[in-house]
C-alpha cells in the first residue's frame, strides 16, 4: 500500500464527513465537546476575516500596513478586556 493511500486525508470527502460527524456527536454525548461562547465565535470570525483579507491583498499585490492582531480592530471589545486584566 502506497503512503498516499493511507489515512484520513486520503479518504473520500463524504466518508471523512461521516466519521467526523460521529466523533462530534460522541463528544457532545460524553460532555467533552467545546461549546463556543458568542465572544469566542466573534473573535474567531474576526481573525478569519483578517487572514482572508490579508491573503486577498497579497494575491493582488496591494499589501499595506495592517494593525496588529492584538489591537482593537473593527469595534471588537476583546482587546480592551484583555488589557484591563493585565493591570
N, C-alpha and C. Protein backbone atom coordinates (compact mmCIF):
# COMPACT_ATOMS: atom_id res chain seq x y z
N UNK A 1 0.86 -1.19 0.00
CA UNK A 1 0.00 0.00 0.00
C UNK A 1 0.90 1.24 0.00
N UNK A 2 0.63 2.14 -0.90
CA UNK A 2 1.41 3.37 -1.01
C UNK A 2 1.09 4.31 0.15
N UNK A 3 2.06 5.14 0.48
CA UNK A 3 1.89 6.09 1.58
C UNK A 3 0.71 7.03 1.35
N UNK A 4 0.49 7.41 0.07
CA UNK A 4 -0.59 8.34 -0.26
C UNK A 4 -1.98 7.73 -0.08
N UNK A 5 -2.05 6.39 -0.05
CA UNK A 5 -3.33 5.71 0.03
C UNK A 5 -3.77 5.42 1.46
N UNK A 6 -3.06 5.99 2.43
CA UNK A 6 -3.38 5.72 3.82
C UNK A 6 -3.92 6.97 4.51
N UNK A 7 -4.68 6.77 5.56
CA UNK A 7 -5.07 7.86 6.43
C UNK A 7 -6.34 8.59 6.05
N UNK A 8 -6.73 9.43 6.98
CA UNK A 8 -7.98 10.17 6.90
C UNK A 8 -8.02 11.09 5.69
N UNK A 9 -6.92 11.79 5.41
CA UNK A 9 -6.91 12.77 4.32
C UNK A 9 -7.07 12.13 2.95
N UNK A 10 -6.73 10.86 2.81
CA UNK A 10 -6.84 10.21 1.50
C UNK A 10 -8.24 9.66 1.24
N UNK A 11 -9.10 9.70 2.25
CA UNK A 11 -10.46 9.17 2.10
C UNK A 11 -11.34 10.10 1.28
N UNK A 12 -12.40 9.55 0.77
CA UNK A 12 -13.44 10.30 0.08
C UNK A 12 -14.00 11.35 1.05
N UNK A 13 -14.29 12.55 0.56
CA UNK A 13 -14.80 13.64 1.42
C UNK A 13 -16.06 13.24 2.18
N UNK A 14 -16.95 12.50 1.54
CA UNK A 14 -18.19 12.08 2.19
C UNK A 14 -17.88 11.15 3.37
N UNK A 15 -16.91 10.25 3.19
CA UNK A 15 -16.52 9.33 4.26
C UNK A 15 -15.87 10.10 5.41
N UNK A 16 -15.02 11.08 5.09
CA UNK A 16 -14.40 11.92 6.12
C UNK A 16 -15.48 12.63 6.94
N UNK A 17 -16.45 13.19 6.26
CA UNK A 17 -17.53 13.93 6.92
C UNK A 17 -18.34 13.03 7.84
N UNK A 18 -18.61 11.82 7.37
CA UNK A 18 -19.37 10.85 8.17
C UNK A 18 -18.62 10.50 9.45
N UNK A 19 -17.33 10.23 9.34
CA UNK A 19 -16.51 9.87 10.51
C UNK A 19 -16.41 11.05 11.47
N UNK A 20 -16.18 12.24 10.94
CA UNK A 20 -16.07 13.43 11.79
C UNK A 20 -17.38 13.70 12.51
N UNK A 21 -18.48 13.49 11.83
CA UNK A 21 -19.79 13.70 12.43
C UNK A 21 -20.00 12.77 13.62
N UNK A 22 -19.61 11.51 13.44
CA UNK A 22 -19.73 10.54 14.54
C UNK A 22 -18.89 10.97 15.74
N UNK A 23 -17.68 11.48 15.48
CA UNK A 23 -16.81 11.94 16.57
C UNK A 23 -17.41 13.12 17.30
N UNK A 24 -17.98 14.06 16.56
CA UNK A 24 -18.60 15.22 17.17
C UNK A 24 -19.80 14.85 18.02
N UNK A 25 -20.62 13.95 17.51
CA UNK A 25 -21.80 13.51 18.26
C UNK A 25 -21.40 12.79 19.54
N UNK A 26 -20.35 11.96 19.44
CA UNK A 26 -19.88 11.22 20.62
C UNK A 26 -19.34 12.19 21.67
N UNK A 27 -18.61 13.22 21.24
CA UNK A 27 -18.06 14.19 22.19
C UNK A 27 -19.17 14.96 22.89
N UNK A 28 -20.22 15.32 22.16
CA UNK A 28 -21.34 16.02 22.78
C UNK A 28 -22.06 15.11 23.77
N UNK A 29 -22.23 13.86 23.38
CA UNK A 29 -22.91 12.91 24.26
C UNK A 29 -22.10 12.67 25.54
N UNK A 30 -20.79 12.63 25.39
CA UNK A 30 -19.90 12.42 26.53
C UNK A 30 -19.78 13.67 27.40
N UNK A 31 -20.02 14.84 26.79
CA UNK A 31 -19.94 16.09 27.54
C UNK A 31 -18.59 16.76 27.43
N UNK A 32 -17.75 16.31 26.51
CA UNK A 32 -16.41 16.89 26.37
C UNK A 32 -16.27 17.80 25.15
N UNK A 33 -17.35 18.01 24.41
CA UNK A 33 -17.30 18.85 23.21
C UNK A 33 -17.18 20.31 23.61
N UNK A 34 -16.50 21.07 22.78
CA UNK A 34 -16.35 22.50 23.04
C UNK A 34 -17.60 23.24 22.58
N UNK A 35 -18.16 24.03 23.46
CA UNK A 35 -19.31 24.87 23.12
C UNK A 35 -18.80 26.30 23.02
N UNK A 36 -18.93 26.90 21.84
CA UNK A 36 -18.43 28.26 21.61
C UNK A 36 -19.33 29.28 22.30
N UNK A 37 -18.71 30.23 22.99
CA UNK A 37 -19.45 31.38 23.51
C UNK A 37 -19.54 32.39 22.37
N UNK A 38 -20.42 33.36 22.49
CA UNK A 38 -20.55 34.36 21.43
C UNK A 38 -19.27 35.17 21.30
N UNK A 39 -18.57 35.40 22.40
CA UNK A 39 -17.31 36.15 22.35
C UNK A 39 -16.24 35.36 21.61
N UNK A 40 -16.13 34.06 21.88
CA UNK A 40 -15.15 33.22 21.20
C UNK A 40 -15.44 33.16 19.70
N UNK A 41 -16.70 33.01 19.35
CA UNK A 41 -17.09 32.93 17.94
C UNK A 41 -16.79 34.25 17.23
N UNK A 42 -17.06 35.36 17.89
CA UNK A 42 -16.79 36.67 17.30
C UNK A 42 -15.30 36.84 17.06
N UNK A 43 -14.48 36.48 18.03
CA UNK A 43 -13.02 36.61 17.90
C UNK A 43 -12.50 35.71 16.78
N UNK A 44 -12.99 34.48 16.71
CA UNK A 44 -12.56 33.56 15.65
C UNK A 44 -12.95 34.09 14.28
N UNK A 45 -14.14 34.60 14.15
CA UNK A 45 -14.59 35.17 12.88
C UNK A 45 -13.77 36.38 12.47
N UNK A 46 -13.43 37.20 13.44
CA UNK A 46 -12.61 38.38 13.16
C UNK A 46 -11.23 37.96 12.65
N UNK A 47 -10.62 36.98 13.32
CA UNK A 47 -9.30 36.51 12.91
C UNK A 47 -9.36 35.88 11.51
N UNK A 48 -10.39 35.11 11.24
CA UNK A 48 -10.53 34.50 9.92
C UNK A 48 -10.72 35.54 8.84
N UNK A 49 -11.50 36.56 9.13
CA UNK A 49 -11.72 37.64 8.17
C UNK A 49 -10.45 38.41 7.89
N UNK A 50 -9.65 38.65 8.93
CA UNK A 50 -8.39 39.36 8.74
C UNK A 50 -7.43 38.53 7.89
N UNK A 51 -7.36 37.23 8.15
CA UNK A 51 -6.47 36.35 7.39
C UNK A 51 -6.90 36.29 5.93
N UNK A 52 -8.20 36.19 5.70
CA UNK A 52 -8.72 36.15 4.33
C UNK A 52 -8.41 37.45 3.60
N UNK A 53 -8.63 38.56 4.27
CA UNK A 53 -8.38 39.87 3.67
C UNK A 53 -6.89 40.02 3.33
N UNK A 54 -6.04 39.56 4.24
CA UNK A 54 -4.59 39.66 4.03
C UNK A 54 -4.17 38.81 2.81
N UNK A 55 -4.73 37.60 2.67
CA UNK A 55 -4.41 36.75 1.52
C UNK A 55 -4.84 37.40 0.22
N UNK A 56 -6.03 38.01 0.22
CA UNK A 56 -6.52 38.67 -0.99
C UNK A 56 -5.61 39.83 -1.38
N UNK A 57 -5.15 40.59 -0.39
CA UNK A 57 -4.25 41.71 -0.66
C UNK A 57 -2.92 41.21 -1.23
N UNK A 58 -2.40 40.12 -0.68
CA UNK A 58 -1.14 39.58 -1.16
C UNK A 58 -1.26 39.07 -2.58
N UNK A 59 -2.40 38.49 -2.92
CA UNK A 59 -2.61 37.97 -4.27
C UNK A 59 -2.67 39.11 -5.30
N UNK A 60 -3.25 40.23 -4.92
CA UNK A 60 -3.37 41.35 -5.85
C UNK A 60 -2.17 42.27 -5.79
N UNK A 61 -1.26 42.03 -4.84
CA UNK A 61 -0.08 42.87 -4.71
C UNK A 61 -0.34 44.18 -4.01
N UNK A 62 -1.51 44.33 -3.41
CA UNK A 62 -1.91 45.55 -2.72
C UNK A 62 -1.70 45.38 -1.22
N UNK A 63 -0.44 45.23 -0.82
CA UNK A 63 -0.13 44.99 0.60
C UNK A 63 0.15 46.33 1.26
N UNK A 64 -0.67 46.68 2.25
CA UNK A 64 -0.49 47.89 3.03
C UNK A 64 -0.29 47.47 4.48
N UNK A 65 0.17 48.37 5.30
CA UNK A 65 0.35 48.02 6.71
C UNK A 65 -1.01 47.83 7.35
N UNK A 66 -1.13 46.74 8.13
CA UNK A 66 -2.37 46.43 8.83
C UNK A 66 -2.13 46.49 10.33
N UNK A 67 -3.16 46.75 11.12
CA UNK A 67 -2.99 46.76 12.57
C UNK A 67 -2.60 45.37 13.07
N UNK A 68 -1.89 45.36 14.17
CA UNK A 68 -1.51 44.09 14.78
C UNK A 68 -2.75 43.33 15.22
N UNK A 69 -2.67 42.01 15.26
CA UNK A 69 -3.82 41.16 15.57
C UNK A 69 -4.37 41.42 16.98
N UNK A 70 -3.52 41.88 17.91
CA UNK A 70 -4.00 42.06 19.28
C UNK A 70 -4.56 43.46 19.53
N UNK A 71 -4.60 44.32 18.51
CA UNK A 71 -5.17 45.64 18.69
C UNK A 71 -6.68 45.59 18.51
N UNK A 72 -7.36 46.59 19.03
CA UNK A 72 -8.80 46.67 18.92
C UNK A 72 -9.17 47.04 17.49
N UNK A 73 -9.65 46.07 16.70
CA UNK A 73 -9.96 46.27 15.29
C UNK A 73 -11.46 46.09 15.09
N UNK A 74 -12.07 46.99 14.36
CA UNK A 74 -13.47 46.83 14.00
C UNK A 74 -14.45 46.92 15.15
N UNK A 75 -14.09 47.59 16.21
CA UNK A 75 -15.01 47.78 17.32
C UNK A 75 -15.10 46.58 18.25
N UNK A 76 -14.21 45.63 18.12
CA UNK A 76 -14.24 44.45 18.97
C UNK A 76 -13.77 44.82 20.37
N UNK A 77 -14.49 44.40 21.38
CA UNK A 77 -14.18 44.75 22.76
C UNK A 77 -13.15 43.83 23.39
N UNK A 78 -12.78 42.74 22.74
CA UNK A 78 -11.87 41.76 23.35
C UNK A 78 -10.52 42.38 23.70
N UNK A 79 -9.98 43.25 22.86
CA UNK A 79 -8.69 43.88 23.14
C UNK A 79 -8.75 44.69 24.42
N UNK A 80 -9.83 45.41 24.64
CA UNK A 80 -9.98 46.21 25.85
C UNK A 80 -10.06 45.33 27.08
N UNK A 81 -10.77 44.21 26.99
CA UNK A 81 -10.93 43.31 28.14
C UNK A 81 -9.58 42.71 28.50
N UNK A 82 -8.82 42.28 27.51
CA UNK A 82 -7.52 41.67 27.79
C UNK A 82 -6.60 42.68 28.46
N UNK A 83 -6.58 43.91 27.99
CA UNK A 83 -5.69 44.91 28.56
C UNK A 83 -6.07 45.26 29.99
N UNK A 84 -7.35 45.27 30.31
CA UNK A 84 -7.80 45.58 31.66
C UNK A 84 -7.35 44.50 32.64
N UNK A 85 -7.29 43.25 32.19
CA UNK A 85 -6.91 42.16 33.08
C UNK A 85 -5.43 42.16 33.40
N UNK A 86 -4.62 42.88 32.66
CA UNK A 86 -3.19 42.89 32.89
C UNK A 86 -2.79 43.79 34.05
N UNK A 87 -3.62 44.73 34.43
CA UNK A 87 -3.25 45.69 35.48
C UNK A 87 -3.60 45.19 36.85
